Amino acid sequence: MRRALRPGGQAGIAVWCSIDQSPPFAALAAALGEVAGSQIGAAYRNGPWGLPDNGIAAEIERAGFTAVRASRHQLPITFDGDPRQLLQTLAASGVAATVAALGDAGQRALAAAIEETAAPLMHDGAIRSETAAQLVTATTAS
């Protein structure tokens, strides 16, 4: 990114905070671990949530950016389609092929596990919680 920006140019980056700060996705990781095995649960857990909270800012500084500023933002998240809607998010994840290979029985087992792990987040028929993201801005050297 630094090479693509003109001198004095600004970059903005948004990344998820740790998965523990995103309870619906942490519940999904736990369900995956139960049904597909601990390696798959860990692969999902370390996906886009794999960086420590200050990790992206440190990487941006090491890349030669200046005026690096990071901030954490808490965001509401709702899955109106109950745990099945949360399950559907796996289609865009790094474990999508593994989940698809579970077959019908595995898919039903995963849906049941998600209902159990996400139960504390259920309110009025929907999963309601929060998730957190880091926003980082930085400038290229002039």
N, C-alpha and C. Protein backbone atom coordinates (compact mmCIF):
# COMPACT_ATOMS: atom_id res chain seq x y z
N MET A 1 0.83 -1.19 0.00
CA MET A 1 0.00 0.00 0.00
C MET A 1 0.87 1.25 0.00
N ARG A 2 1.96 1.21 0.74
CA ARG A 2 2.81 2.39 0.83
C ARG A 2 3.36 2.74 -0.55
N ARG A 3 3.75 1.74 -1.33
CA ARG A 3 4.29 2.00 -2.68
C ARG A 3 3.23 2.56 -3.61
N ALA A 4 1.99 2.22 -3.39
CA ALA A 4 0.91 2.67 -4.27
C ALA A 4 0.46 4.10 -3.97
N LEU A 5 0.78 4.59 -2.79
CA LEU A 5 0.36 5.94 -2.40
C LEU A 5 1.43 6.96 -2.75
N ARG A 6 1.00 8.14 -3.10
CA ARG A 6 1.96 9.22 -3.35
C ARG A 6 2.54 9.68 -2.01
N PRO A 7 3.67 10.36 -2.02
CA PRO A 7 4.23 10.87 -0.76
C PRO A 7 3.20 11.75 -0.04
N GLY A 8 3.03 11.53 1.23
CA GLY A 8 2.05 12.25 2.02
C GLY A 8 0.64 11.69 1.91
N GLY A 9 0.49 10.60 1.15
CA GLY A 9 -0.83 9.98 0.99
C GLY A 9 -1.26 9.26 2.26
N GLN A 10 -2.56 9.09 2.39
CA GLN A 10 -3.10 8.45 3.59
C GLN A 10 -3.73 7.10 3.25
N ALA A 11 -3.58 6.17 4.18
CA ALA A 11 -4.18 4.85 4.05
C ALA A 11 -5.15 4.65 5.21
N GLY A 12 -6.21 3.95 4.97
CA GLY A 12 -7.16 3.58 6.01
C GLY A 12 -7.41 2.09 5.94
N ILE A 13 -7.37 1.43 7.08
CA ILE A 13 -7.52 -0.02 7.14
C ILE A 13 -8.49 -0.36 8.27
N ALA A 14 -9.38 -1.29 8.01
CA ALA A 14 -10.29 -1.78 9.04
C ALA A 14 -10.13 -3.29 9.14
N VAL A 15 -9.93 -3.79 10.35
CA VAL A 15 -9.81 -5.22 10.59
C VAL A 15 -10.58 -5.57 11.86
N TRP A 16 -11.03 -6.82 11.93
CA TRP A 16 -11.71 -7.27 13.13
C TRP A 16 -10.74 -7.33 14.29
N CYS A 17 -11.25 -7.10 15.49
CA CYS A 17 -10.48 -7.34 16.72
C CYS A 17 -10.48 -8.85 16.97
N SER A 18 -9.92 -9.27 18.07
CA SER A 18 -9.86 -10.71 18.36
C SER A 18 -11.27 -11.30 18.38
N ILE A 19 -11.35 -12.57 18.05
CA ILE A 19 -12.66 -13.23 17.95
C ILE A 19 -13.40 -13.22 19.28
N ASP A 20 -12.68 -13.17 20.38
CA ASP A 20 -13.33 -13.12 21.68
C ASP A 20 -14.14 -11.84 21.87
N GLN A 21 -13.86 -10.82 21.06
CA GLN A 21 -14.61 -9.57 21.12
C GLN A 21 -15.76 -9.56 20.12
N SER A 22 -15.98 -10.71 19.48
CA SER A 22 -17.09 -10.90 18.55
C SER A 22 -17.83 -12.18 18.94
N PRO A 23 -18.64 -12.12 20.01
CA PRO A 23 -19.26 -13.33 20.55
C PRO A 23 -19.99 -14.24 19.55
N PRO A 24 -20.71 -13.73 18.55
CA PRO A 24 -21.36 -14.66 17.63
C PRO A 24 -20.35 -15.52 16.87
N PHE A 25 -19.24 -14.93 16.47
CA PHE A 25 -18.24 -15.67 15.72
C PHE A 25 -17.42 -16.59 16.62
N ALA A 26 -17.25 -16.20 17.88
CA ALA A 26 -16.61 -17.09 18.85
C ALA A 26 -17.50 -18.31 19.08
N ALA A 27 -18.81 -18.11 19.15
CA ALA A 27 -19.75 -19.23 19.29
C ALA A 27 -19.68 -20.14 18.07
N LEU A 28 -19.56 -19.55 16.90
CA LEU A 28 -19.44 -20.31 15.67
C LEU A 28 -18.15 -21.13 15.67
N ALA A 29 -17.05 -20.54 16.12
CA ALA A 29 -15.77 -21.26 16.20
C ALA A 29 -15.88 -22.44 17.16
N ALA A 30 -16.55 -22.24 18.29
CA ALA A 30 -16.72 -23.32 19.26
C ALA A 30 -17.54 -24.47 18.66
N ALA A 31 -18.60 -24.13 17.95
CA ALA A 31 -19.44 -25.16 17.31
C ALA A 31 -18.64 -25.91 16.24
N LEU A 32 -17.86 -25.19 15.46
CA LEU A 32 -17.02 -25.84 14.46
C LEU A 32 -16.06 -26.82 15.10
N GLY A 33 -15.45 -26.40 16.20
CA GLY A 33 -14.52 -27.28 16.91
C GLY A 33 -15.19 -28.55 17.39
N GLU A 34 -16.43 -28.43 17.88
CA GLU A 34 -17.17 -29.60 18.37
C GLU A 34 -17.50 -30.58 17.24
N VAL A 35 -17.92 -30.05 16.10
CA VAL A 35 -18.42 -30.90 15.03
C VAL A 35 -17.33 -31.31 14.03
N ALA A 36 -16.48 -30.38 13.64
CA ALA A 36 -15.50 -30.66 12.59
C ALA A 36 -14.10 -30.92 13.14
N GLY A 37 -13.91 -30.73 14.43
CA GLY A 37 -12.60 -31.00 15.03
C GLY A 37 -11.88 -29.73 15.42
N SER A 38 -10.97 -29.88 16.36
CA SER A 38 -10.28 -28.71 16.92
C SER A 38 -9.43 -27.97 15.90
N GLN A 39 -8.86 -28.69 14.92
CA GLN A 39 -8.05 -28.00 13.90
C GLN A 39 -8.89 -27.05 13.06
N ILE A 40 -10.08 -27.48 12.70
CA ILE A 40 -10.98 -26.63 11.90
C ILE A 40 -11.47 -25.46 12.74
N GLY A 41 -11.82 -25.73 13.99
CA GLY A 41 -12.23 -24.65 14.88
C GLY A 41 -11.12 -23.62 15.04
N ALA A 42 -9.88 -24.08 15.18
CA ALA A 42 -8.73 -23.18 15.32
C ALA A 42 -8.47 -22.41 14.01
N ALA A 43 -8.62 -23.09 12.89
CA ALA A 43 -8.41 -22.41 11.59
C ALA A 43 -9.40 -21.26 11.43
N TYR A 44 -10.66 -21.50 11.81
CA TYR A 44 -11.66 -20.43 11.73
C TYR A 44 -11.34 -19.34 12.74
N ARG A 45 -11.01 -19.73 13.97
CA ARG A 45 -10.71 -18.79 15.05
C ARG A 45 -9.54 -17.88 14.66
N ASN A 46 -8.58 -18.40 13.93
CA ASN A 46 -7.40 -17.62 13.55
C ASN A 46 -7.55 -16.94 12.19
N GLY A 47 -8.73 -17.01 11.61
CA GLY A 47 -8.97 -16.37 10.31
C GLY A 47 -8.81 -14.86 10.39
N PRO A 48 -9.83 -14.11 10.07
CA PRO A 48 -9.68 -12.65 10.07
C PRO A 48 -9.53 -12.06 11.47
N TRP A 49 -9.65 -12.91 12.49
CA TRP A 49 -9.51 -12.43 13.87
C TRP A 49 -8.15 -12.79 14.44
N GLY A 50 -7.21 -13.20 13.60
CA GLY A 50 -5.95 -13.73 14.08
C GLY A 50 -4.95 -12.71 14.60
N LEU A 51 -5.08 -11.45 14.24
CA LEU A 51 -4.13 -10.44 14.71
C LEU A 51 -4.45 -9.98 16.12
N PRO A 52 -3.43 -9.75 16.93
CA PRO A 52 -3.71 -9.14 18.24
C PRO A 52 -4.20 -7.71 18.03
N ASP A 53 -4.85 -7.14 19.03
CA ASP A 53 -5.48 -5.83 18.88
C ASP A 53 -4.53 -4.75 18.39
N ASN A 54 -3.27 -4.78 18.75
CA ASN A 54 -2.34 -3.75 18.27
C ASN A 54 -1.50 -4.25 17.10
N GLY A 55 -1.77 -5.45 16.61
CA GLY A 55 -0.96 -6.06 15.57
C GLY A 55 -0.95 -5.31 14.26
N ILE A 56 -2.10 -4.84 13.80
CA ILE A 56 -2.15 -4.17 12.50
C ILE A 56 -1.42 -2.83 12.55
N ALA A 57 -1.54 -2.09 13.63
CA ALA A 57 -0.84 -0.81 13.74
C ALA A 57 0.67 -1.03 13.73
N ALA A 58 1.13 -2.05 14.42
CA ALA A 58 2.56 -2.35 14.45
C ALA A 58 3.06 -2.75 13.06
N GLU A 59 2.26 -3.53 12.33
CA GLU A 59 2.65 -3.92 10.96
C GLU A 59 2.73 -2.70 10.05
N ILE A 60 1.79 -1.78 10.19
CA ILE A 60 1.78 -0.58 9.35
C ILE A 60 3.01 0.28 9.66
N GLU A 61 3.36 0.40 10.91
CA GLU A 61 4.57 1.17 11.27
C GLU A 61 5.82 0.51 10.69
N ARG A 62 5.90 -0.83 10.79
CA ARG A 62 7.07 -1.54 10.24
C ARG A 62 7.16 -1.39 8.73
N ALA A 63 6.04 -1.17 8.09
CA ALA A 63 6.03 -0.99 6.63
C ALA A 63 6.48 0.40 6.21
N GLY A 64 6.77 1.27 7.18
CA GLY A 64 7.30 2.59 6.85
C GLY A 64 6.29 3.72 6.86
N PHE A 65 5.09 3.48 7.32
CA PHE A 65 4.10 4.55 7.42
C PHE A 65 4.40 5.40 8.66
N THR A 66 3.93 6.62 8.62
CA THR A 66 4.07 7.53 9.77
C THR A 66 2.68 7.95 10.23
N ALA A 67 2.63 8.65 11.33
CA ALA A 67 1.36 9.14 11.89
C ALA A 67 0.32 8.03 11.96
N VAL A 68 0.73 6.87 12.44
CA VAL A 68 -0.16 5.72 12.55
C VAL A 68 -1.08 5.91 13.75
N ARG A 69 -2.37 5.86 13.51
CA ARG A 69 -3.35 6.00 14.58
C ARG A 69 -4.32 4.82 14.50
N ALA A 70 -4.50 4.16 15.64
CA ALA A 70 -5.42 3.02 15.70
C ALA A 70 -6.52 3.33 16.70
N SER A 71 -7.72 2.92 16.39
CA SER A 71 -8.84 3.07 17.32
C SER A 71 -9.72 1.84 17.22
N ARG A 72 -10.35 1.52 18.32
CA ARG A 72 -11.23 0.36 18.41
C ARG A 72 -12.67 0.84 18.41
N HIS A 73 -13.50 0.16 17.64
CA HIS A 73 -14.91 0.52 17.53
C HIS A 73 -15.78 -0.69 17.81
N GLN A 74 -16.71 -0.53 18.72
CA GLN A 74 -17.67 -1.58 19.06
C GLN A 74 -18.89 -1.40 18.16
N LEU A 75 -19.32 -2.47 17.52
CA LEU A 75 -20.41 -2.39 16.56
C LEU A 75 -21.51 -3.39 16.92
N PRO A 76 -22.78 -2.99 16.86
CA PRO A 76 -23.85 -3.97 17.10
C PRO A 76 -23.95 -4.92 15.91
N ILE A 77 -24.34 -6.15 16.19
CA ILE A 77 -24.52 -7.13 15.12
C ILE A 77 -25.75 -7.97 15.44
N THR A 78 -26.59 -8.19 14.43
CA THR A 78 -27.81 -8.97 14.60
C THR A 78 -27.93 -9.97 13.47
N PHE A 79 -28.27 -11.19 13.83
CA PHE A 79 -28.59 -12.22 12.85
C PHE A 79 -30.06 -12.54 13.06
N ASP A 80 -30.92 -11.94 12.22
CA ASP A 80 -32.37 -12.09 12.35
C ASP A 80 -32.82 -13.50 12.01
N GLY A 81 -32.04 -14.21 11.23
CA GLY A 81 -32.42 -15.56 10.81
C GLY A 81 -31.96 -16.61 11.79
N ASP A 82 -31.81 -16.28 13.03
CA ASP A 82 -31.38 -17.17 14.11
C ASP A 82 -30.04 -17.84 13.78
N PRO A 83 -29.65 -18.89 14.49
CA PRO A 83 -28.33 -19.48 14.26
C PRO A 83 -28.07 -19.96 12.83
N ARG A 84 -29.11 -20.29 12.09
CA ARG A 84 -28.90 -20.73 10.70
C ARG A 84 -28.26 -19.63 9.86
N GLN A 85 -28.64 -18.38 10.13
CA GLN A 85 -28.04 -17.27 9.39
C GLN A 85 -26.56 -17.13 9.75
N LEU A 86 -26.22 -17.34 11.00
CA LEU A 86 -24.82 -17.32 11.40
C LEU A 86 -24.06 -18.44 10.70
N LEU A 87 -24.65 -19.60 10.59
CA LEU A 87 -24.04 -20.73 9.88
C LEU A 87 -23.73 -20.38 8.43
N GLN A 88 -24.60 -19.62 7.80
CA GLN A 88 -24.41 -19.25 6.40
C GLN A 88 -23.18 -18.38 6.18
N THR A 89 -22.71 -17.69 7.21
CA THR A 89 -21.52 -16.85 7.04
C THR A 89 -20.27 -17.69 6.76
N LEU A 90 -20.32 -18.97 7.08
CA LEU A 90 -19.16 -19.84 6.84
C LEU A 90 -18.86 -20.00 5.35
N ALA A 91 -19.85 -19.75 4.49
CA ALA A 91 -19.63 -19.87 3.05
C ALA A 91 -18.57 -18.90 2.54
N ALA A 92 -18.33 -17.82 3.29
CA ALA A 92 -17.33 -16.82 2.89
C ALA A 92 -16.07 -16.92 3.74
N SER A 93 -15.87 -18.05 4.38
CA SER A 93 -14.73 -18.20 5.28
C SER A 93 -13.67 -19.13 4.70
N GLY A 94 -12.54 -19.18 5.35
CA GLY A 94 -11.46 -20.06 4.92
C GLY A 94 -11.75 -21.53 5.15
N VAL A 95 -12.79 -21.84 5.89
CA VAL A 95 -13.14 -23.24 6.15
C VAL A 95 -14.38 -23.66 5.36
N ALA A 96 -14.78 -22.88 4.38
CA ALA A 96 -16.01 -23.15 3.62
C ALA A 96 -16.00 -24.53 2.97
N ALA A 97 -14.89 -24.92 2.37
CA ALA A 97 -14.83 -26.22 1.70
C ALA A 97 -14.97 -27.36 2.70
N THR A 98 -14.36 -27.23 3.85
CA THR A 98 -14.48 -28.26 4.88
C THR A 98 -15.91 -28.37 5.38
N VAL A 99 -16.55 -27.23 5.58
CA VAL A 99 -17.94 -27.23 6.05
C VAL A 99 -18.85 -27.86 4.98
N ALA A 100 -18.62 -27.52 3.72
CA ALA A 100 -19.43 -28.08 2.64
C ALA A 100 -19.25 -29.60 2.56
N ALA A 101 -18.06 -30.08 2.88
CA ALA A 101 -17.78 -31.52 2.81
C ALA A 101 -18.38 -32.30 3.97
N LEU A 102 -18.96 -31.63 4.95
CA LEU A 102 -19.56 -32.33 6.09
C LEU A 102 -20.78 -33.16 5.71
N GLY A 103 -21.41 -32.82 4.59
CA GLY A 103 -22.61 -33.54 4.17
C GLY A 103 -23.81 -33.12 4.99
N ASP A 104 -24.96 -33.70 4.67
CA ASP A 104 -26.22 -33.32 5.32
C ASP A 104 -26.20 -33.57 6.83
N ALA A 105 -25.76 -34.75 7.23
CA ALA A 105 -25.74 -35.07 8.66
C ALA A 105 -24.79 -34.14 9.41
N GLY A 106 -23.64 -33.86 8.83
CA GLY A 106 -22.68 -32.95 9.46
C GLY A 106 -23.21 -31.53 9.53
N GLN A 107 -23.91 -31.11 8.49
CA GLN A 107 -24.51 -29.78 8.48
C GLN A 107 -25.57 -29.65 9.58
N ARG A 108 -26.38 -30.68 9.74
CA ARG A 108 -27.40 -30.67 10.80
C ARG A 108 -26.74 -30.64 12.18
N ALA A 109 -25.68 -31.42 12.34
CA ALA A 109 -24.95 -31.44 13.62
C ALA A 109 -24.34 -30.08 13.91
N LEU A 110 -23.80 -29.44 12.87
CA LEU A 110 -23.20 -28.11 13.05
C LEU A 110 -24.27 -27.09 13.40
N ALA A 111 -25.41 -27.14 12.73
CA ALA A 111 -26.51 -26.22 13.04
C ALA A 111 -26.96 -26.40 14.49
N ALA A 112 -27.07 -27.64 14.95
CA ALA A 112 -27.47 -27.90 16.33
C ALA A 112 -26.42 -27.39 17.32
N ALA A 113 -25.15 -27.57 16.98
CA ALA A 113 -24.07 -27.08 17.85
C ALA A 113 -24.07 -25.56 17.92
N ILE A 114 -24.34 -24.91 16.81
CA ILE A 114 -24.40 -23.44 16.80
C ILE A 114 -25.57 -22.96 17.65
N GLU A 115 -26.71 -23.64 17.55
CA GLU A 115 -27.85 -23.26 18.38
C GLU A 115 -27.48 -23.32 19.86
N GLU A 116 -26.69 -24.31 20.23
CA GLU A 116 -26.28 -24.45 21.62
C GLU A 116 -25.25 -23.40 22.03
N THR A 117 -24.21 -23.22 21.20
CA THR A 117 -23.15 -22.27 21.59
C THR A 117 -23.60 -20.82 21.50
N ALA A 118 -24.57 -20.53 20.62
CA ALA A 118 -25.06 -19.16 20.46
C ALA A 118 -26.28 -18.87 21.33
N ALA A 119 -26.76 -19.84 22.08
CA ALA A 119 -27.97 -19.66 22.90
C ALA A 119 -27.91 -18.45 23.82
N PRO A 120 -26.77 -18.17 24.46
CA PRO A 120 -26.74 -16.99 25.34
C PRO A 120 -26.92 -15.66 24.60
N LEU A 121 -26.77 -15.68 23.29
CA LEU A 121 -26.87 -14.45 22.49
C LEU A 121 -28.26 -14.27 21.87
N MET A 122 -29.13 -15.27 22.05
CA MET A 122 -30.47 -15.23 21.46
C MET A 122 -31.39 -14.32 22.26
N HIS A 123 -32.03 -13.40 21.55
CA HIS A 123 -33.00 -12.48 22.15
C HIS A 123 -34.12 -12.27 21.13
N ASP A 124 -35.33 -12.59 21.51
CA ASP A 124 -36.49 -12.40 20.64
C ASP A 124 -36.32 -13.09 19.29
N GLY A 125 -35.77 -14.30 19.28
CA GLY A 125 -35.65 -15.08 18.05
C GLY A 125 -34.48 -14.70 17.16
N ALA A 126 -33.62 -13.81 17.60
CA ALA A 126 -32.47 -13.40 16.79
C ALA A 126 -31.22 -13.40 17.65
N ILE A 127 -30.10 -13.56 17.00
CA ILE A 127 -28.82 -13.43 17.70
C ILE A 127 -28.50 -11.94 17.71
N ARG A 128 -28.35 -11.39 18.91
CA ARG A 128 -28.03 -9.97 19.06
C ARG A 128 -26.81 -9.85 19.95
N SER A 129 -25.81 -9.15 19.44
CA SER A 129 -24.58 -9.03 20.19
C SER A 129 -23.80 -7.83 19.66
N GLU A 130 -22.51 -7.88 19.88
CA GLU A 130 -21.62 -6.84 19.38
C GLU A 130 -20.40 -7.50 18.77
N THR A 131 -19.71 -6.75 17.97
CA THR A 131 -18.44 -7.16 17.43
C THR A 131 -17.54 -5.94 17.47
N ALA A 132 -16.26 -6.13 17.40
CA ALA A 132 -15.34 -5.01 17.50
C ALA A 132 -14.37 -5.01 16.32
N ALA A 133 -14.04 -3.82 15.88
CA ALA A 133 -13.10 -3.66 14.77
C ALA A 133 -12.06 -2.60 15.12
N GLN A 134 -10.89 -2.76 14.53
CA GLN A 134 -9.84 -1.77 14.66
C GLN A 134 -9.80 -0.95 13.37
N LEU A 135 -9.74 0.35 13.52
CA LEU A 135 -9.57 1.23 12.37
C LEU A 135 -8.19 1.87 12.51
N VAL A 136 -7.40 1.78 11.45
CA VAL A 136 -6.05 2.33 11.48
C VAL A 136 -5.92 3.30 10.31
N THR A 137 -5.39 4.48 10.60
CA THR A 137 -5.04 5.43 9.54
C THR A 137 -3.55 5.68 9.63
N ALA A 138 -2.95 5.96 8.50
CA ALA A 138 -1.50 6.20 8.46
C ALA A 138 -1.18 7.05 7.25
N THR A 139 -0.01 7.65 7.28
CA THR A 139 0.45 8.53 6.21
C THR A 139 1.78 8.02 5.68
N THR A 140 1.98 8.18 4.36
CA THR A 140 3.29 7.84 3.79
C THR A 140 4.22 9.01 4.02
N ALA A 141 5.50 8.73 4.09
CA ALA A 141 6.48 9.79 4.30
C ALA A 141 6.42 10.76 3.13
N SER A 142 6.63 12.03 3.43
CA SER A 142 6.58 13.07 2.37
C SER A 142 7.84 13.06 1.55
